[in-house]
Each structure stands twice: as structure tokens, then as C-alpha cells.
Amino acid sequence: MNDALSEVKVYQTSDYTEFKVLSGNRPLKPAHVKRLKESISEHGNLGAPIIVNEKYEMIDGQHRKIALEELGLPVEYIMKQGFGLKEIHVSNTNRKNWTLTEFMNCYADLKMKHYARFKEFNEKYGFPITTSLILVLGYSLGGEKGPSRTGGSQDSFRRGEFIFKNPEEAEDRAERILMLKDIYWGYKSKYFVLAMLKMFRLKEYNHSEFMSKLRQNMDKLIVTPGTINGFLRIFEDIYNYRRQGKKISFFQELKVRNGK
């Protein structure tokens, strides 16, 4: 069996102006540059060469390039013809070192319409990105394994499989949550939003009535619950405050509907 040996040519330069930032790549993190400088100063440049394309746009290693430049040290690099944002995504997906925001920006710059639409939504309403995803999807965002629904886990979002369905419904959910921002300081919190989404699904729920009752009973939220069910129990008490006639059992109703 003959093994083909492929030689990779490593170049070196101190002309830092040759290198360009690729539009859509994640922004620089000064703290990461600082850590790299400290490591290089103590141990030398033990990292891999940075990767650029034929335009000298940095595909991988832009933090290392800045660290070396600030230390006045030469930059080693490898050139990969035709590389761009897609290759950046592939090289970073398995590392898990990109944030959801960085993946959103990268895919939006690649003109992927669902991510571009989601970026607009996220910027318009100003929620943390995980909360924005919850509002768009209408349910809890799964983690590494995530739920079985298409586009509903953090991994699927990273892989570029996110689908922005029913934007009108997503905006309606976001608008109703924003109505509460002058009443409850924690309106952006994940568990608060998830509990509200559960209440939105109940035909007995009236948002104007809940807002009025919430203003009168803010003392019940002095201690912030750490679970969805914790919020639902409090919401039930608030909604039924001085209520005439039948009390509404949001928490029990949701338990029954969820088969619990």
C-alpha cells in the first residue's frame, strides 16, 4: 500500500497588513487575545499556523495573528484556496467555541434567509439570543441533544438547520412579553418567558387582565422562581387575585394537558 504524502507549505511574514478580516467571521475578543499573548510570551508560539485564503482573508487564527502582531513576532500561515465562511463554520462547529450569536451572524452573512430573518427579530426586540429562539420556536430550546423537532436544538442551530416558521406568531409573542417590561424587571428571563408561552396557549388566559393583576401583586415576584412551574404557580395566584366567579387553574390545567 502506497501512502501519498501531501506537503503543506507554511509561510512566515512580519507584514501584518497582508491579512484581512473576513466579513461574517466572529468579532475579536480582547480577553482571548490577552490570554494568547501571555501564553506566547511564556512558552513561545506553540499554536498552529493561521489559515488564510488566496485573498489573505483569515479563515482561522485571527486572535493568534493579533497576539503575534502586538508582540512583534512573525506570523506563520497556511493558504487554502477558495476557503470562506462555510469552511469557518465547518472548522468551528465541532469545537463548540462559537456562541449562538456568532453562528447567527455567520449564517446571516451567508444569506441564509431563516438566519437573516431571525437576526432582524433578535435585534428588533432585544432579548438574549436563547430567549429570542424560544419566542420564535414557541417552546424550550433543546441543548446538545435537544428535542426532536426540526431546528429546535442548539446543535441544529449551529449546524445551519434552523427554520424560522410563523414570523407573525413569533412577533405576537414578543410584543405581548414586551408589554410587561415596565411592570416586571425580569421579563426577559428564560423561565419567565417559557411560563408565559404556556399561559398564552390557554383559551382562558386574558393578557390585559394578567397585566393589571401583575401590577397589583408585584410583591409575589420579589423572589424570582428558578423553574417554569415556579412561575406558573405564582401566575395562577396573581391571575386569581380578587377574581369574581370561577378561579382559573393555569398550573393544574397545564399539568393535565401535558399529561403530568
Protein backbone atom coordinates (compact mmCIF):
# COMPACT_ATOMS: atom_id res chain seq x y z
CA MET A 1 0.00 0.00 0.00
CA ASN A 2 1.44 3.35 -1.01
CA ASP A 3 0.67 6.33 1.15
CA ALA A 4 0.61 9.66 -0.66
CA LEU A 5 2.44 12.34 1.29
CA SER A 6 0.93 15.77 0.91
CA GLU A 7 3.21 18.61 1.88
CA VAL A 8 1.61 21.71 3.32
CA LYS A 9 3.67 24.81 2.77
CA VAL A 10 3.88 27.09 5.79
CA TYR A 11 4.68 30.71 5.08
CA GLN A 12 6.01 33.31 7.51
CA THR A 13 5.73 37.09 7.45
CA SER A 14 6.01 40.15 9.64
CA ASP A 15 3.92 42.23 7.26
CA TYR A 16 0.74 42.19 9.35
CA THR A 17 -1.07 44.41 6.83
CA GLU A 18 -1.29 41.47 4.41
CA PHE A 19 -4.04 39.84 6.48
CA LYS A 20 -7.70 40.79 6.22
CA VAL A 21 -10.72 40.08 8.41
CA LEU A 22 -13.34 38.06 6.55
CA SER A 23 -16.78 39.67 6.70
CA GLY A 24 -19.10 37.46 8.73
CA ASN A 25 -16.36 35.96 10.89
CA ARG A 26 -16.87 36.32 14.62
CA PRO A 27 -15.66 39.57 16.22
CA LEU A 28 -12.38 39.65 18.10
CA LYS A 29 -12.42 39.02 21.82
CA PRO A 30 -9.74 41.13 23.56
CA ALA A 31 -9.66 38.78 26.56
CA HIS A 32 -8.75 35.86 24.27
CA VAL A 33 -6.00 37.90 22.60
CA LYS A 34 -4.64 38.77 26.05
CA ARG A 35 -4.54 35.10 27.10
CA LEU A 36 -2.75 34.15 23.89
CA LYS A 37 -0.16 36.89 24.38
CA GLU A 38 0.55 35.70 27.91
CA SER A 39 0.91 32.10 26.72
CA ILE A 40 3.16 33.01 23.78
CA SER A 41 5.33 35.23 25.98
CA GLU A 42 5.81 32.42 28.48
CA HIS A 43 6.03 29.36 26.24
CA GLY A 44 6.66 30.66 22.74
CA ASN A 45 4.37 30.35 19.73
CA LEU A 46 3.26 26.73 20.07
CA GLY A 47 0.00 27.19 18.19
CA ALA A 48 -0.81 26.04 14.67
CA PRO A 49 -0.28 28.43 11.76
CA ILE A 50 -3.22 30.61 10.92
CA ILE A 51 -5.24 29.73 7.81
CA VAL A 52 -5.93 32.26 5.06
CA ASN A 53 -7.46 32.10 1.60
CA GLU A 54 -5.93 33.46 -1.59
CA LYS A 55 -7.16 36.96 -0.65
CA TYR A 56 -5.33 36.71 2.70
CA GLU A 57 -8.68 36.71 4.50
CA MET A 58 -8.22 34.91 7.80
CA ILE A 59 -10.22 31.69 7.99
CA ASP A 60 -8.83 30.51 11.32
CA GLY A 61 -6.47 32.11 13.82
CA GLN A 62 -7.34 35.79 13.74
CA HIS A 63 -6.87 36.06 17.53
CA ARG A 64 -3.41 34.50 17.24
CA LYS A 65 -2.48 36.89 14.43
CA ILE A 66 -3.35 39.91 16.59
CA ALA A 67 -1.46 38.48 19.56
CA LEU A 68 1.66 37.89 17.46
CA GLU A 69 1.38 41.35 15.89
CA GLU A 70 1.14 43.04 19.29
CA LEU A 71 4.18 41.07 20.47
CA GLY A 72 6.12 41.99 17.31
CA LEU A 73 6.56 38.34 16.32
CA PRO A 74 6.28 36.84 12.80
CA VAL A 75 3.05 35.16 11.76
CA GLU A 76 3.10 31.66 10.29
CA TYR A 77 0.25 30.90 7.92
CA ILE A 78 -1.13 28.32 5.50
CA MET A 79 -3.02 29.31 2.37
CA LYS A 80 -6.20 27.43 1.41
CA GLN A 81 -7.54 28.40 -1.99
CA GLY A 82 -11.28 29.13 -2.11
CA PHE A 83 -11.89 28.97 1.63
CA GLY A 84 -14.56 31.24 3.10
CA LEU A 85 -17.34 31.42 5.70
CA LYS A 86 -18.58 27.89 5.05
CA GLU A 87 -15.15 26.50 5.92
CA ILE A 88 -15.05 28.69 9.03
CA HIS A 89 -18.35 27.16 10.10
CA VAL A 90 -17.19 23.59 9.45
CA SER A 91 -13.93 24.10 11.36
CA ASN A 92 -15.70 25.55 14.38
CA THR A 93 -18.96 23.59 14.68
CA ASN A 94 -17.36 20.61 16.39
CA ARG A 95 -15.22 22.76 18.66
CA LYS A 96 -18.30 24.40 20.25
CA ASN A 97 -16.26 27.56 20.75
CA TRP A 98 -18.60 29.81 18.80
CA THR A 99 -21.55 31.37 20.55
CA LEU A 100 -25.06 31.15 19.14
CA THR A 101 -24.80 34.84 18.24
CA GLU A 102 -21.65 34.19 16.23
CA PHE A 103 -23.33 31.36 14.33
CA MET A 104 -26.35 33.60 13.70
CA ASN A 105 -24.14 36.35 12.26
CA CYS A 106 -22.14 33.93 10.15
CA TYR A 107 -25.20 32.27 8.58
CA ALA A 108 -26.92 35.61 8.08
CA ASP A 109 -23.83 36.85 6.20
CA LEU A 110 -24.07 33.71 4.05
CA LYS A 111 -27.53 34.98 3.01
CA MET A 112 -29.37 32.11 4.71
CA LYS A 113 -32.84 33.62 4.87
CA HIS A 114 -34.03 31.98 8.09
CA TYR A 115 -30.98 33.24 9.98
CA ALA A 116 -31.18 36.70 8.41
CA ARG A 117 -34.84 36.94 9.44
CA PHE A 118 -34.01 35.70 12.93
CA LYS A 119 -31.19 38.24 13.27
CA GLU A 120 -33.64 41.02 12.42
CA PHE A 121 -36.07 39.66 15.02
CA ASN A 122 -33.36 39.40 17.66
CA GLU A 123 -32.15 42.96 17.06
CA LYS A 124 -35.68 44.38 16.91
CA TYR A 125 -36.84 43.00 20.26
CA GLY A 126 -33.55 42.94 22.17
CA PHE A 127 -33.98 39.65 24.02
CA PRO A 128 -31.00 37.40 24.78
CA ILE A 129 -30.48 35.10 21.82
CA THR A 130 -31.70 31.95 23.62
CA THR A 131 -34.86 33.77 24.70
CA SER A 132 -35.35 35.04 21.14
CA LEU A 133 -35.12 31.46 19.90
CA ILE A 134 -37.70 30.37 22.47
CA LEU A 135 -40.06 33.12 21.30
CA VAL A 136 -39.59 32.16 17.65
CA LEU A 137 -39.93 28.42 18.19
CA GLY A 138 -42.69 28.69 20.79
CA TYR A 139 -41.11 26.11 23.07
CA SER A 140 -37.98 25.42 25.09
CA LEU A 141 -34.74 25.30 23.13
CA GLY A 142 -33.02 21.94 23.49
CA GLY A 143 -29.38 21.60 24.41
CA GLU A 144 -26.80 19.24 22.97
CA LYS A 145 -29.35 16.54 22.10
CA GLY A 146 -32.36 18.80 22.04
CA PRO A 147 -35.97 18.00 21.18
CA SER A 148 -36.86 16.00 18.12
CA ARG A 149 -38.49 18.98 16.39
CA THR A 150 -36.65 20.24 13.31
CA GLY A 151 -34.44 23.21 14.02
CA GLY A 152 -35.25 23.12 17.73
CA SER A 153 -31.92 22.38 19.39
CA GLN A 154 -28.77 24.37 19.91
CA ASP A 155 -26.86 21.84 17.81
CA SER A 156 -29.28 22.18 14.90
CA PHE A 157 -28.97 25.97 15.13
CA ARG A 158 -25.18 25.62 14.95
CA ARG A 159 -25.42 23.23 12.01
CA GLY A 160 -27.44 25.72 9.98
CA GLU A 161 -30.70 23.77 10.19
CA PHE A 162 -32.76 26.44 11.95
CA ILE A 163 -36.12 27.24 10.33
CA PHE A 164 -37.99 30.45 11.13
CA LYS A 165 -41.64 29.39 10.95
CA ASN A 166 -44.65 31.64 11.53
CA PRO A 167 -42.92 35.03 11.99
CA GLU A 168 -46.27 36.70 12.72
CA GLU A 169 -46.85 34.39 15.68
CA ALA A 170 -43.31 34.96 16.93
CA GLU A 171 -43.75 38.72 16.78
CA ASP A 172 -47.09 38.48 18.58
CA ARG A 173 -45.45 36.52 21.41
CA ALA A 174 -42.58 39.01 21.63
CA GLU A 175 -44.92 42.02 21.63
CA ARG A 176 -47.01 40.59 24.45
CA ILE A 177 -43.92 39.89 26.54
CA LEU A 178 -42.63 43.42 25.91
CA MET A 179 -45.90 44.81 27.31
CA LEU A 180 -44.66 43.58 30.68
CA LYS A 181 -41.26 45.28 30.66
CA ASP A 182 -42.44 48.29 32.69
CA ILE A 183 -44.14 46.00 35.21
CA TYR A 184 -41.62 43.21 35.86
CA TRP A 185 -37.86 43.69 35.60
CA GLY A 186 -37.25 40.01 34.80
CA TYR A 187 -39.45 39.94 31.69
CA LYS A 188 -36.50 38.77 29.54
CA SER A 189 -35.61 35.78 31.70
CA LYS A 190 -35.87 32.36 30.09
CA TYR A 191 -38.15 30.72 32.66
CA PHE A 192 -40.47 33.73 32.83
CA VAL A 193 -40.87 33.71 29.03
CA LEU A 194 -41.40 29.93 28.89
CA ALA A 195 -44.09 30.16 31.58
CA MET A 196 -45.79 32.99 29.71
CA LEU A 197 -45.77 30.96 26.49
CA LYS A 198 -47.56 28.15 28.30
CA MET A 199 -50.21 30.55 29.52
CA PHE A 200 -50.65 32.02 26.03
CA ARG A 201 -51.81 28.59 24.85
CA LEU A 202 -54.76 28.52 27.26
CA LYS A 203 -58.06 29.88 25.94
CA GLU A 204 -58.96 31.12 29.44
CA TYR A 205 -55.99 33.47 29.53
CA ASN A 206 -56.55 37.21 29.04
CA HIS A 207 -53.35 39.23 28.70
CA SER A 208 -54.82 42.60 29.68
CA GLU A 209 -56.28 41.09 32.83
CA PHE A 210 -52.99 39.46 33.73
CA MET A 211 -51.08 42.73 33.24
CA SER A 212 -53.49 44.55 35.56
CA LYS A 213 -53.23 41.86 38.23
CA LEU A 214 -49.45 41.72 37.91
CA ARG A 215 -49.18 45.46 38.67
CA GLN A 216 -51.17 44.92 41.84
CA ASN A 217 -49.22 41.87 43.00
CA MET A 218 -45.58 42.52 42.20
CA ASP A 219 -44.66 41.54 45.76
CA LYS A 220 -45.26 37.92 44.76
CA LEU A 221 -42.26 38.12 42.41
CA ILE A 222 -39.79 39.62 44.87
CA VAL A 223 -38.13 36.20 44.97
CA THR A 224 -37.62 35.05 41.38
CA PRO A 225 -38.58 31.40 40.80
CA GLY A 226 -35.92 29.18 39.29
CA THR A 227 -38.29 26.98 37.29
CA ILE A 228 -41.14 27.27 34.80
CA ASN A 229 -43.54 25.62 37.25
CA GLY A 230 -42.47 28.03 39.96
CA PHE A 231 -43.55 30.94 37.75
CA LEU A 232 -46.81 29.19 36.79
CA ARG A 233 -47.82 28.72 40.43
CA ILE A 234 -47.25 32.42 41.10
CA PHE A 235 -49.03 33.44 37.90
CA GLU A 236 -52.05 31.43 38.98
CA ASP A 237 -52.17 33.22 42.33
CA ILE A 238 -51.77 36.60 40.64
CA TYR A 239 -54.41 35.96 37.99
CA ASN A 240 -56.97 34.85 40.57
CA TYR A 241 -56.39 37.85 42.85
CA ARG A 242 -59.84 39.26 43.79
CA ARG A 243 -61.29 37.44 40.81
CA GLN A 244 -65.07 37.32 40.71
CA GLY A 245 -66.59 33.92 39.98
CA LYS A 246 -64.62 30.89 38.88
CA LYS A 247 -60.93 30.73 39.69
CA ILE A 248 -58.58 29.86 36.85
CA SER A 249 -56.24 26.92 37.46
CA PHE A 250 -53.44 27.56 34.99
CA PHE A 251 -50.93 25.34 36.72
CA GLN A 252 -53.25 22.34 37.13
CA GLU A 253 -54.67 22.77 33.61
CA LEU A 254 -51.20 22.76 32.10
CA LYS A 255 -50.25 19.67 34.08
CA VAL A 256 -53.29 17.86 32.69
CA ARG A 257 -52.64 18.99 29.12
CA ASN A 258 -49.00 17.92 29.34
CA GLY A 259 -50.03 14.51 30.68
CA LYS A 260 -48.33 15.05 34.07
